[in-house]
Amino acid sequence: MQFTTTISLPKNLSAEIEKQVAEGKYSSRSEFIRSAVRTYLLFEKGKLSWEILAAPFRSYAKEKGLMERDILEAVERGRSGTKNSKSRK
């Protein structure tokens, strides 16, 4: 059973949704909204897993040619507050 509703969004959010659809990440605005609502509900229930959170970053990393080592180094730099690629120990 489907339920149809109408929502109003600020222009910047609407533009971002349109961009995601145009890039083929979602088949329609409705699919984007459904995905966002599902994710939010999982978050609210405390069932949002690392896998769900990491999914968008995996595709970004693949697109940019990043390896796991690159990601781990960036995380370590963020934790330590350094800007270069070498971690402080």
Protein backbone atom coordinates (compact mmCIF):
# COMPACT_ATOMS: atom_id res chain seq x y z
CA MET A 1 0.00 0.00 0.00
CA GLN A 2 1.35 3.40 -0.90
CA PHE A 3 0.65 6.76 0.66
CA THR A 4 1.21 9.99 -1.24
CA THR A 5 2.16 13.18 0.54
CA THR A 6 3.41 16.59 -0.48
CA ILE A 7 6.37 18.30 1.19
CA SER A 8 7.96 21.72 0.85
CA LEU A 9 11.74 21.98 0.85
CA PRO A 10 14.16 24.90 0.77
CA LYS A 11 15.66 25.47 -2.67
CA ASN A 12 19.11 24.24 -1.62
CA LEU A 13 17.75 20.85 -0.46
CA SER A 14 15.59 20.50 -3.52
CA ALA A 15 18.57 21.27 -5.76
CA GLU A 16 20.69 18.65 -3.97
CA ILE A 17 18.00 16.02 -4.45
CA GLU A 18 17.75 16.90 -8.15
CA LYS A 19 21.54 16.62 -8.45
CA GLN A 20 21.55 13.16 -6.85
CA VAL A 21 18.81 12.00 -9.23
CA ALA A 22 20.53 13.54 -12.28
CA GLU A 23 23.78 11.75 -11.34
CA GLY A 24 21.86 8.46 -11.30
CA LYS A 25 22.32 7.82 -7.58
CA TYR A 26 18.54 7.58 -7.21
CA SER A 27 15.92 6.77 -9.82
CA SER A 28 13.59 9.58 -8.71
CA ARG A 29 13.03 12.24 -6.08
CA SER A 30 10.60 9.88 -4.39
CA GLU A 31 13.26 7.17 -4.14
CA PHE A 32 15.68 9.67 -2.60
CA ILE A 33 13.09 10.71 0.02
CA ARG A 34 12.20 7.07 0.78
CA SER A 35 15.87 6.26 1.30
CA ALA A 36 16.37 9.29 3.55
CA VAL A 37 13.32 8.41 5.65
CA ARG A 38 14.42 4.76 5.99
CA THR A 39 17.88 5.84 7.12
CA TYR A 40 16.47 8.35 9.60
CA LEU A 41 14.09 5.78 11.09
CA LEU A 42 16.92 3.27 11.52
CA PHE A 43 18.96 5.98 13.21
CA GLU A 44 16.11 6.84 15.56
CA LYS A 45 15.65 3.18 16.50
CA GLY A 46 19.37 2.81 17.18
CA LYS A 47 19.69 0.27 14.37
CA LEU A 48 21.81 2.31 12.02
CA SER A 49 24.80 0.12 11.32
CA TRP A 50 28.28 1.10 10.23
CA GLU A 51 27.58 -0.59 6.90
CA ILE A 52 24.69 1.76 6.17
CA LEU A 53 26.69 4.81 7.20
CA ALA A 54 29.76 3.77 5.20
CA ALA A 55 27.97 2.91 1.94
CA PRO A 56 28.08 6.41 0.37
CA PHE A 57 31.74 6.80 1.27
CA ARG A 58 32.68 3.52 -0.39
CA SER A 59 31.40 4.72 -3.76
CA TYR A 60 33.15 8.08 -3.28
CA ALA A 61 36.43 6.36 -2.41
CA LYS A 62 36.15 4.08 -5.43
CA GLU A 63 35.40 7.05 -7.69
CA LYS A 64 38.46 8.91 -6.36
CA GLY A 65 40.74 5.86 -6.45
CA LEU A 66 41.28 5.88 -2.69
CA MET A 67 42.50 2.79 -0.90
CA GLU A 68 41.75 1.71 2.67
CA ARG A 69 45.21 2.91 3.71
CA ASP A 70 44.38 6.42 2.40
CA ILE A 71 41.17 6.53 4.42
CA LEU A 72 42.82 5.29 7.61
CA GLU A 73 45.61 7.87 7.26
CA ALA A 74 43.04 10.65 6.80
CA VAL A 75 41.14 9.50 9.89
CA GLU A 76 44.34 9.43 11.92
CA ARG A 77 45.28 12.92 10.72
CA GLY A 78 41.84 14.15 11.75
CA ARG A 79 42.12 12.57 15.18
CA SER A 80 45.58 13.96 15.82
CA GLY A 81 44.95 17.36 14.27
CA THR A 82 47.84 17.07 11.79
CA LYS A 83 47.60 18.09 8.16
CA ASN A 84 50.40 16.03 6.63
CA SER A 85 50.23 12.34 5.75
CA LYS A 86 52.39 11.20 8.67
CA SER A 87 50.71 10.45 11.97
CA ARG A 88 52.05 11.73 15.26
CA LYS A 89 52.83 8.99 17.76
